[in-house]
Amino acid sequence: MPDATLCASYQAYGLWAKCRPDKAFTPHPAVVRHA
């Protein structure tokens, strides 16, 4: 699985901190700025 998929999963769990806030991976920039 690509990191992009894992990043989306982490975002849902709020553990996206492990995944760098990248617009290329995150379709929702608003969610990335959550933390």
N, C-alpha and C. Protein backbone atom coordinates (compact mmCIF):
# COMPACT_ATOMS: atom_id res chain seq x y z
N MET A 1 0.84 -1.21 0.00
CA MET A 1 0.00 0.00 0.00
C MET A 1 0.88 1.26 0.00
N PRO A 2 0.51 2.23 -0.78
CA PRO A 2 1.28 3.49 -0.84
C PRO A 2 1.11 4.28 0.44
N ASP A 3 2.09 5.14 0.72
CA ASP A 3 2.02 5.95 1.94
C ASP A 3 0.77 6.82 1.94
N ALA A 4 0.32 7.19 0.75
CA ALA A 4 -0.86 8.05 0.65
C ALA A 4 -2.06 7.38 1.29
N THR A 5 -2.18 6.06 1.10
CA THR A 5 -3.31 5.33 1.68
C THR A 5 -3.17 5.28 3.19
N LEU A 6 -1.96 5.04 3.66
CA LEU A 6 -1.73 4.97 5.10
C LEU A 6 -1.98 6.32 5.73
N CYS A 7 -1.58 7.37 5.05
CA CYS A 7 -1.77 8.72 5.57
C CYS A 7 -3.25 8.99 5.79
N ALA A 8 -4.07 8.57 4.85
CA ALA A 8 -5.52 8.78 4.95
C ALA A 8 -6.07 8.02 6.15
N SER A 9 -5.55 6.82 6.37
CA SER A 9 -6.02 6.00 7.50
C SER A 9 -5.61 6.66 8.81
N TYR A 10 -4.37 7.14 8.88
CA TYR A 10 -3.89 7.79 10.10
C TYR A 10 -4.70 9.05 10.38
N GLN A 11 -5.06 9.76 9.31
CA GLN A 11 -5.84 10.99 9.49
C GLN A 11 -7.15 10.68 10.19
N ALA A 12 -7.78 9.59 9.79
CA ALA A 12 -9.07 9.21 10.38
C ALA A 12 -8.89 8.89 11.86
N TYR A 13 -7.74 8.33 12.21
CA TYR A 13 -7.48 7.97 13.60
C TYR A 13 -6.86 9.13 14.37
N GLY A 14 -6.54 10.19 13.65
CA GLY A 14 -5.93 11.34 14.33
C GLY A 14 -4.45 11.09 14.57
N LEU A 15 -3.92 10.04 13.95
CA LEU A 15 -2.50 9.74 14.13
C LEU A 15 -1.72 10.15 12.90
N TRP A 16 -2.32 11.05 12.12
CA TRP A 16 -1.68 11.48 10.88
C TRP A 16 -0.36 12.18 11.17
N ALA A 17 -0.09 12.43 12.45
CA ALA A 17 1.16 13.09 12.83
C ALA A 17 2.34 12.32 12.26
N LYS A 18 2.17 11.00 12.14
CA LYS A 18 3.25 10.17 11.57
C LYS A 18 3.42 10.48 10.10
N CYS A 19 2.34 10.91 9.47
CA CYS A 19 2.40 11.23 8.04
C CYS A 19 2.52 12.74 7.88
N ARG A 20 3.55 13.17 7.18
CA ARG A 20 3.77 14.60 7.00
C ARG A 20 2.60 15.24 6.26
N PRO A 21 2.17 16.41 6.69
CA PRO A 21 1.05 17.12 6.03
C PRO A 21 1.41 17.53 4.62
N ASP A 22 1.17 16.67 3.67
CA ASP A 22 1.52 16.96 2.27
C ASP A 22 0.25 17.09 1.45
N LYS A 23 0.13 18.16 0.70
CA LYS A 23 -1.07 18.35 -0.12
C LYS A 23 -1.17 17.24 -1.16
N ALA A 24 -0.04 16.66 -1.52
CA ALA A 24 -0.04 15.60 -2.52
C ALA A 24 -0.70 14.34 -1.96
N PHE A 25 -0.59 14.16 -0.64
CA PHE A 25 -1.15 12.97 0.00
C PHE A 25 -2.51 13.27 0.61
N THR A 26 -2.68 14.50 1.11
CA THR A 26 -3.93 14.86 1.79
C THR A 26 -4.87 15.60 0.85
N PRO A 27 -6.01 15.02 0.54
CA PRO A 27 -7.00 15.65 -0.33
C PRO A 27 -7.73 16.77 0.40
N HIS A 28 -7.63 16.79 1.74
CA HIS A 28 -8.31 17.82 2.53
C HIS A 28 -7.28 18.64 3.29
N PRO A 29 -6.84 19.76 2.73
CA PRO A 29 -5.84 20.61 3.39
C PRO A 29 -6.35 21.13 4.73
N ALA A 30 -7.66 21.28 4.86
CA ALA A 30 -8.24 21.79 6.11
C ALA A 30 -7.99 20.79 7.23
N VAL A 31 -8.06 19.50 6.92
CA VAL A 31 -7.86 18.47 7.93
C VAL A 31 -6.40 18.43 8.34
N VAL A 32 -5.52 18.71 7.40
CA VAL A 32 -4.09 18.67 7.68
C VAL A 32 -3.72 19.73 8.70
N ARG A 33 -4.39 20.86 8.62
CA ARG A 33 -4.11 21.97 9.54
C ARG A 33 -4.80 21.76 10.88
N HIS A 34 -5.45 20.62 11.04
CA HIS A 34 -6.20 20.35 12.29
C HIS A 34 -5.26 20.36 13.47
N ALA A 35 -4.06 19.77 13.29
CA ALA A 35 -3.09 19.71 14.38
C ALA A 35 -2.19 20.92 14.27
